[in-house]
PDB file of N, CA and C in Angstrom:
ATOM      1  N   UNK A   1    -142.282 209.478  52.764  1.00  0.00           N
ATOM      2  CA  UNK A   1    -143.549 209.385  52.070  1.00  0.00           C
ATOM      3  C   UNK A   1    -143.931 207.931  51.783  1.00  0.00           C
ATOM      4  N   UNK A   2    -142.945 207.039  51.797  1.00  0.00           N
ATOM      5  CA  UNK A   2    -143.235 205.648  51.473  1.00  0.00           C
ATOM      6  C   UNK A   2    -144.017 204.924  52.563  1.00  0.00           C
ATOM      7  N   UNK A   3    -144.104 205.516  53.742  1.00  0.00           N
ATOM      8  CA  UNK A   3    -144.902 204.908  54.809  1.00  0.00           C
ATOM      9  C   UNK A   3    -146.388 205.045  54.530  1.00  0.00           C
ATOM     10  N   UNK A   4    -146.765 205.985  53.668  1.00  0.00           N
ATOM     11  CA  UNK A   4    -148.174 206.250  53.396  1.00  0.00           C
ATOM     12  C   UNK A   4    -148.755 205.303  52.359  1.00  0.00           C
ATOM     13  N   UNK A   5    -149.919 204.775  52.674  1.00  0.00           N
ATOM     14  CA  UNK A   5    -150.656 203.928  51.744  1.00  0.00           C
ATOM     15  C   UNK A   5    -151.124 204.775  50.565  1.00  0.00           C
ATOM     16  N   UNK A   6    -151.252 204.153  49.419  1.00  0.00           N
ATOM     17  CA  UNK A   6    -151.803 204.757  48.210  1.00  0.00           C
ATOM     18  C   UNK A   6    -150.962 205.913  47.666  1.00  0.00           C
ATOM     19  N   UNK A   7    -149.722 206.044  48.091  1.00  0.00           N
ATOM     20  CA  UNK A   7    -148.859 207.099  47.550  1.00  0.00           C
ATOM     21  C   UNK A   7    -147.695 206.454  46.798  1.00  0.00           C
ATOM     22  N   UNK A   8    -148.034 205.758  45.731  1.00  0.00           N
ATOM     23  CA  UNK A   8    -147.023 205.031  44.968  1.00  0.00           C
ATOM     24  C   UNK A   8    -146.360 205.908  43.907  1.00  0.00           C
ATOM     25  N   UNK A   9    -147.090 206.867  43.387  1.00  0.00           N
ATOM     26  CA  UNK A   9    -146.547 207.745  42.353  1.00  0.00           C
ATOM     27  C   UNK A   9    -145.832 208.910  43.018  1.00  0.00           C
ATOM     28  N   UNK A  10    -144.626 209.199  42.595  1.00  0.00           N
ATOM     29  CA  UNK A  10    -143.875 210.334  43.111  1.00  0.00           C
ATOM     30  C   UNK A  10    -143.087 210.060  44.385  1.00  0.00           C
ATOM     31  N   UNK A  11    -143.131 208.825  44.888  1.00  0.00           N
ATOM     32  CA  UNK A  11    -142.402 208.496  46.115  1.00  0.00           C
ATOM     33  C   UNK A  11    -141.268 207.505  45.879  1.00  0.00           C
ATOM     34  N   UNK A  12    -141.138 207.033  44.674  1.00  0.00           N
ATOM     35  CA  UNK A  12    -140.128 206.031  44.318  1.00  0.00           C
ATOM     36  C   UNK A  12    -140.280 204.762  45.145  1.00  0.00           C
ATOM     37  N   UNK A  13    -141.525 204.453  45.529  1.00  0.00           N
ATOM     38  CA  UNK A  13    -141.795 203.245  46.306  1.00  0.00           C
ATOM     39  C   UNK A  13    -141.463 202.010  45.469  1.00  0.00           C
ATOM     40  N   UNK A  14    -140.789 201.081  46.069  1.00  0.00           N
ATOM     41  CA  UNK A  14    -140.361 199.861  45.379  1.00  0.00           C
ATOM     42  C   UNK A  14    -141.579 199.016  44.984  1.00  0.00           C
ATOM     43  N   UNK A  15    -141.518 198.413  43.815  1.00  0.00           N
ATOM     44  CA  UNK A  15    -142.610 197.558  43.349  1.00  0.00           C
ATOM     45  C   UNK A  15    -142.380 196.126  43.836  1.00  0.00           C
ATOM     46  N   UNK A  16    -143.424 195.317  43.753  1.00  0.00           N
ATOM     47  CA  UNK A  16    -143.299 193.910  44.146  1.00  0.00           C
ATOM     48  C   UNK A  16    -142.236 193.200  43.312  1.00  0.00           C
ATOM     49  N   UNK A  17    -142.179 193.524  42.032  1.00  0.00           N
ATOM     50  CA  UNK A  17    -141.183 192.906  41.157  1.00  0.00           C
ATOM     51  C   UNK A  17    -139.763 193.278  41.587  1.00  0.00           C
ATOM     52  N   UNK A  18    -139.576 194.539  41.947  1.00  0.00           N
ATOM     53  CA  UNK A  18    -138.253 195.006  42.359  1.00  0.00           C
ATOM     54  C   UNK A  18    -137.802 194.400  43.685  1.00  0.00           C
ATOM     55  N   UNK A  19    -138.757 194.004  44.535  1.00  0.00           N
ATOM     56  CA  UNK A  19    -138.414 193.399  45.825  1.00  0.00           C
ATOM     57  C   UNK A  19    -137.750 192.041  45.662  1.00  0.00           C
ATOM     58  N   UNK A  20    -138.015 191.391  44.549  1.00  0.00           N
ATOM     59  CA  UNK A  20    -137.425 190.087  44.240  1.00  0.00           C
ATOM     60  C   UNK A  20    -137.549 189.095  45.392  1.00  0.00           C
ATOM     61  N   UNK A  21    -138.718 189.082  46.031  1.00  0.00           N
ATOM     62  CA  UNK A  21    -138.980 188.127  47.100  1.00  0.00           C
ATOM     63  C   UNK A  21    -138.396 188.498  48.452  1.00  0.00           C
ATOM     64  N   UNK A  22    -137.737 189.638  48.543  1.00  0.00           N
ATOM     65  CA  UNK A  22    -137.136 190.077  49.818  1.00  0.00           C
ATOM     66  C   UNK A  22    -138.152 190.915  50.578  1.00  0.00           C
ATOM     67  N   UNK A  23    -138.385 190.577  51.826  1.00  0.00           N
ATOM     68  CA  UNK A  23    -139.350 191.286  52.655  1.00  0.00           C
ATOM     69  C   UNK A  23    -138.893 192.714  52.922  1.00  0.00           C
ATOM     70  N   UNK A  24    -139.782 193.663  52.690  1.00  0.00           N
ATOM     71  CA  UNK A  24    -139.529 195.073  52.966  1.00  0.00           C
ATOM     72  C   UNK A  24    -140.508 195.519  54.053  1.00  0.00           C
ATOM     73  N   UNK A  25    -140.028 196.294  54.987  1.00  0.00           N
ATOM     74  CA  UNK A  25    -140.829 196.747  56.120  1.00  0.00           C
ATOM     75  C   UNK A  25    -141.075 198.250  56.027  1.00  0.00           C
ATOM     76  N   UNK A  26    -142.048 198.713  56.743  1.00  0.00           N
ATOM     77  CA  UNK A  26    -142.344 200.146  56.888  1.00  0.00           C
ATOM     78  C   UNK A  26    -142.832 200.801  55.598  1.00  0.00           C
ATOM     79  N   UNK A  27    -143.423 200.030  54.711  1.00  0.00           N
ATOM     80  CA  UNK A  27    -144.069 200.567  53.522  1.00  0.00           C
ATOM     81  C   UNK A  27    -145.576 200.453  53.708  1.00  0.00           C
ATOM     82  N   UNK A  28    -146.300 201.482  53.322  1.00  0.00           N
ATOM     83  CA  UNK A  28    -147.768 201.450  53.374  1.00  0.00           C
ATOM     84  C   UNK A  28    -148.294 201.151  54.782  1.00  0.00           C
ATOM     85  N   UNK A  29    -147.788 201.838  55.779  1.00  0.00           N
ATOM     86  CA  UNK A  29    -148.198 201.555  57.157  1.00  0.00           C
ATOM     87  C   UNK A  29    -149.257 202.511  57.692  1.00  0.00           C
ATOM     88  N   UNK A  30    -149.515 203.622  57.001  1.00  0.00           N
ATOM     89  CA  UNK A  30    -150.462 204.598  57.527  1.00  0.00           C
ATOM     90  C   UNK A  30    -151.185 205.301  56.375  1.00  0.00           C
ATOM     91  N   UNK A  31    -152.409 205.697  56.651  1.00  0.00           N
ATOM     92  CA  UNK A  31    -153.201 206.425  55.670  1.00  0.00           C
ATOM     93  C   UNK A  31    -152.699 207.863  55.551  1.00  0.00           C
ATOM     94  N   UNK A  32    -152.744 208.443  54.351  1.00  0.00           N
ATOM     95  CA  UNK A  32    -152.307 209.833  54.190  1.00  0.00           C
ATOM     96  C   UNK A  32    -153.121 210.830  55.015  1.00  0.00           C
ATOM     97  N   UNK A  33    -154.325 210.461  55.406  1.00  0.00           N
ATOM     98  CA  UNK A  33    -155.163 211.340  56.205  1.00  0.00           C
ATOM     99  C   UNK A  33    -154.743 211.374  57.679  1.00  0.00           C
ATOM    100  N   UNK A  34    -153.915 210.421  58.095  1.00  0.00           N
ATOM    101  CA  UNK A  34    -153.494 210.338  59.496  1.00  0.00           C
ATOM    102  C   UNK A  34    -152.176 211.075  59.709  1.00  0.00           C
ATOM    103  N   UNK A  35    -151.982 211.547  60.939  1.00  0.00           N
ATOM    104  CA  UNK A  35    -150.729 212.196  61.302  1.00  0.00           C
ATOM    105  C   UNK A  35    -149.675 211.120  61.569  1.00  0.00           C
ATOM    106  N   UNK A  36    -148.446 211.462  61.244  1.00  0.00           N
ATOM    107  CA  UNK A  36    -147.334 210.528  61.460  1.00  0.00           C
ATOM    108  C   UNK A  36    -146.120 211.354  61.845  1.00  0.00           C
ATOM    109  N   UNK A  37    -145.444 210.953  62.903  1.00  0.00           N
ATOM    110  CA  UNK A  37    -144.317 211.742  63.401  1.00  0.00           C
ATOM    111  C   UNK A  37    -143.037 210.922  63.412  1.00  0.00           C
ATOM    112  N   UNK A  38    -141.942 211.619  63.624  1.00  0.00           N
ATOM    113  CA  UNK A  38    -140.643 210.969  63.729  1.00  0.00           C
ATOM    114  C   UNK A  38    -140.638 210.007  64.909  1.00  0.00           C
ATOM    115  N   UNK A  39    -141.261 210.387  66.010  1.00  0.00           N
ATOM    116  CA  UNK A  39    -141.283 209.499  67.181  1.00  0.00           C
ATOM    117  C   UNK A  39    -142.081 208.232  66.896  1.00  0.00           C
ATOM    118  N   UNK A  40    -143.155 208.339  66.124  1.00  0.00           N
ATOM    119  CA  UNK A  40    -143.911 207.141  65.745  1.00  0.00           C
ATOM    120  C   UNK A  40    -143.074 206.257  64.821  1.00  0.00           C
ATOM    121  N   UNK A  41    -142.379 206.890  63.891  1.00  0.00           N
ATOM    122  CA  UNK A  41    -141.495 206.143  63.001  1.00  0.00           C
ATOM    123  C   UNK A  41    -140.439 205.389  63.807  1.00  0.00           C
ATOM    124  N   UNK A  42    -139.810 206.090  64.748  1.00  0.00           N
ATOM    125  CA  UNK A  42    -138.741 205.483  65.545  1.00  0.00           C
ATOM    126  C   UNK A  42    -139.256 204.265  66.297  1.00  0.00           C
ATOM    127  N   UNK A  43    -140.417 204.395  66.928  1.00  0.00           N
ATOM    128  CA  UNK A  43    -141.001 203.282  67.684  1.00  0.00           C
ATOM    129  C   UNK A  43    -141.271 202.093  66.769  1.00  0.00           C
ATOM    130  N   UNK A  44    -141.918 202.339  65.638  1.00  0.00           N
ATOM    131  CA  UNK A  44    -142.238 201.250  64.710  1.00  0.00           C
ATOM    132  C   UNK A  44    -140.982 200.628  64.106  1.00  0.00           C
ATOM    133  N   UNK A  45    -140.033 201.464  63.742  1.00  0.00           N
ATOM    134  CA  UNK A  45    -138.796 200.956  63.136  1.00  0.00           C
ATOM    135  C   UNK A  45    -138.015 200.101  64.133  1.00  0.00           C
ATOM    136  N   UNK A  46    -137.935 200.541  65.376  1.00  0.00           N
ATOM    137  CA  UNK A  46    -137.222 199.757  66.393  1.00  0.00           C
ATOM    138  C   UNK A  46    -137.901 198.412  66.629  1.00  0.00           C
ATOM    139  N   UNK A  47    -139.230 198.384  66.590  1.00  0.00           N
ATOM    140  CA  UNK A  47    -139.956 197.114  66.724  1.00  0.00           C
ATOM    141  C   UNK A  47    -139.625 196.180  65.562  1.00  0.00           C
ATOM    142  N   UNK A  48    -139.593 196.736  64.354  1.00  0.00           N
ATOM    143  CA  UNK A  48    -139.270 195.920  63.175  1.00  0.00           C
ATOM    144  C   UNK A  48    -137.829 195.434  63.216  1.00  0.00           C
ATOM    145  N   UNK A  49    -136.921 196.286  63.667  1.00  0.00           N
ATOM    146  CA  UNK A  49    -135.517 195.888  63.781  1.00  0.00           C
ATOM    147  C   UNK A  49    -135.387 194.713  64.744  1.00  0.00           C
ATOM    148  N   UNK A  50    -136.053 194.786  65.886  1.00  0.00           N
ATOM    149  CA  UNK A  50    -136.017 193.687  66.864  1.00  0.00           C
ATOM    150  C   UNK A  50    -136.604 192.410  66.268  1.00  0.00           C
ATOM    151  N   UNK A  51    -137.700 192.545  65.546  1.00  0.00           N
ATOM    152  CA  UNK A  51    -138.343 191.397  64.900  1.00  0.00           C
ATOM    153  C   UNK A  51    -137.376 190.716  63.921  1.00  0.00           C
ATOM    154  N   UNK A  52    -136.685 191.508  63.139  1.00  0.00           N
ATOM    155  CA  UNK A  52    -135.731 190.975  62.165  1.00  0.00           C
ATOM    156  C   UNK A  52    -134.551 190.310  62.867  1.00  0.00           C
ATOM    157  N   UNK A  53    -134.029 190.952  63.907  1.00  0.00           N
ATOM    158  CA  UNK A  53    -132.899 190.383  64.651  1.00  0.00           C
ATOM    159  C   UNK A  53    -133.271 189.063  65.304  1.00  0.00           C
ATOM    160  N   UNK A  54    -134.490 188.939  65.814  1.00  0.00           N
ATOM    161  CA  UNK A  54    -134.941 187.687  66.437  1.00  0.00           C
ATOM    162  C   UNK A  54    -134.995 186.542  65.439  1.00  0.00           C
ATOM    163  N   UNK A  55    -135.131 186.870  64.161  1.00  0.00           N
ATOM    164  CA  UNK A  55    -135.133 185.862  63.108  1.00  0.00           C
ATOM    165  C   UNK A  55    -133.716 185.474  62.702  1.00  0.00           C
ATOM    166  N   UNK A  56    -132.717 186.114  63.333  1.00  0.00           N
ATOM    167  CA  UNK A  56    -131.333 185.837  62.987  1.00  0.00           C
ATOM    168  C   UNK A  56    -130.884 186.531  61.715  1.00  0.00           C
ATOM    169  N   UNK A  57    -131.624 187.532  61.306  1.00  0.00           N
ATOM    170  CA  UNK A  57    -131.309 188.270  60.083  1.00  0.00           C
ATOM    171  C   UNK A  57    -130.695 189.622  60.437  1.00  0.00           C
ATOM    172  N   UNK A  58    -130.099 190.256  59.461  1.00  0.00           N
ATOM    173  CA  UNK A  58    -129.505 191.579  59.643  1.00  0.00           C
ATOM    174  C   UNK A  58    -130.401 192.614  58.977  1.00  0.00           C
ATOM    175  N   UNK A  59    -130.935 193.552  59.758  1.00  0.00           N
ATOM    176  CA  UNK A  59    -131.764 194.593  59.136  1.00  0.00           C
ATOM    177  C   UNK A  59    -130.898 195.580  58.368  1.00  0.00           C
ATOM    178  N   UNK A  60    -131.410 196.042  57.260  1.00  0.00           N
ATOM    179  CA  UNK A  60    -130.732 197.059  56.458  1.00  0.00           C
ATOM    180  C   UNK A  60    -131.661 198.262  56.388  1.00  0.00           C
ATOM    181  N   UNK A  61    -131.176 199.388  56.874  1.00  0.00           N
ATOM    182  CA  UNK A  61    -131.983 200.603  56.910  1.00  0.00           C
ATOM    183  C   UNK A  61    -131.635 201.441  55.680  1.00  0.00           C
ATOM    184  N   UNK A  62    -132.626 201.718  54.838  1.00  0.00           N
ATOM    185  CA  UNK A  62    -132.399 202.502  53.627  1.00  0.00           C
ATOM    186  C   UNK A  62    -133.551 203.483  53.429  1.00  0.00           C
ATOM    187  N   UNK A  63    -133.291 204.498  52.651  1.00  0.00           N
ATOM    188  CA  UNK A  63    -134.327 205.449  52.285  1.00  0.00           C
ATOM    189  C   UNK A  63    -134.690 206.405  53.403  1.00  0.00           C
ATOM    190  N   UNK A  64    -135.688 207.198  53.145  1.00  0.00           N
ATOM    191  CA  UNK A  64    -136.137 208.156  54.138  1.00  0.00           C
ATOM    192  C   UNK A  64    -135.267 209.394  54.192  1.00  0.00           C
ATOM    193  N   UNK A  65    -135.588 210.257  55.121  1.00  0.00           N
ATOM    194  CA  UNK A  65    -134.819 211.490  55.273  1.00  0.00           C
ATOM    195  C   UNK A  65    -133.764 211.309  56.345  1.00  0.00           C
ATOM    196  N   UNK A  66    -132.805 212.190  56.352  1.00  0.00           N
ATOM    197  CA  UNK A  66    -131.752 212.138  57.366  1.00  0.00           C
ATOM    198  C   UNK A  66    -132.308 212.214  58.774  1.00  0.00           C
ATOM    199  N   UNK A  67    -133.378 212.971  58.970  1.00  0.00           N
ATOM    200  CA  UNK A  67    -133.985 213.098  60.299  1.00  0.00           C
ATOM    201  C   UNK A  67    -134.446 211.740  60.816  1.00  0.00           C
ATOM    202  N   UNK A  68    -135.070 210.963  59.981  1.00  0.00           N
ATOM    203  CA  UNK A  68    -135.581 209.660  60.411  1.00  0.00           C
ATOM    204  C   UNK A  68    -134.434 208.697  60.704  1.00  0.00           C
ATOM    205  N   UNK A  69    -133.429 208.691  59.850  1.00  0.00           N
ATOM    206  CA  UNK A  69    -132.272 207.827  60.070  1.00  0.00           C
ATOM    207  C   UNK A  69    -131.542 208.252  61.352  1.00  0.00           C
ATOM    208  N   UNK A  70    -131.416 209.549  61.550  1.00  0.00           N
ATOM    209  CA  UNK A  70    -130.743 210.083  62.741  1.00  0.00           C
ATOM    210  C   UNK A  70    -131.415 209.598  64.034  1.00  0.00           C
ATOM    211  N   UNK A  71    -132.728 209.494  64.032  1.00  0.00           N
ATOM    212  CA  UNK A  71    -133.425 209.029  65.247  1.00  0.00           C
ATOM    213  C   UNK A  71    -133.074 207.591  65.589  1.00  0.00           C
ATOM    214  N   UNK A  72    -132.762 206.787  64.582  1.00  0.00           N
ATOM    215  CA  UNK A  72    -132.380 205.397  64.846  1.00  0.00           C
ATOM    216  C   UNK A  72    -130.922 205.281  65.253  1.00  0.00           C
ATOM    217  N   UNK A  73    -130.079 206.113  64.673  1.00  0.00           N
ATOM    218  CA  UNK A  73    -128.649 206.069  64.996  1.00  0.00           C
ATOM    219  C   UNK A  73    -128.396 206.561  66.417  1.00  0.00           C
ATOM    220  N   UNK A  74    -128.980 207.683  66.754  1.00  0.00           N
ATOM    221  CA  UNK A  74    -128.843 208.267  68.097  1.00  0.00           C
ATOM    222  C   UNK A  74    -130.058 207.883  68.923  1.00  0.00           C
ATOM    223  N   UNK A  75    -130.048 206.693  69.460  1.00  0.00           N
ATOM    224  CA  UNK A  75    -131.202 206.102  70.133  1.00  0.00           C
ATOM    225  C   UNK A  75    -131.422 206.682  71.528  1.00  0.00           C
ATOM    226  N   UNK A  76    -131.395 207.972  71.677  1.00  0.00           N
ATOM    227  CA  UNK A  76    -131.624 208.615  72.978  1.00  0.00           C
ATOM    228  C   UNK A  76    -133.096 208.804  73.235  1.00  0.00           C
TER     229      UNK A  76
END
């Protein structure tokens, strides 16, 4: 649910203060009126992971449902 814009209440979305200056990805990426699938998540997440790795940083994957995490772990 954290991928949806304007859905801050009830999603436990991290606040700017809680981020403490650390860049967070995949938050507020789509309107609630639009469809969003696991395959779209996987594509976007893999792009962000590559972007982070190119910066010499280590991506940390947190949150979401097991289904979404599973798509990244089993990259078939």
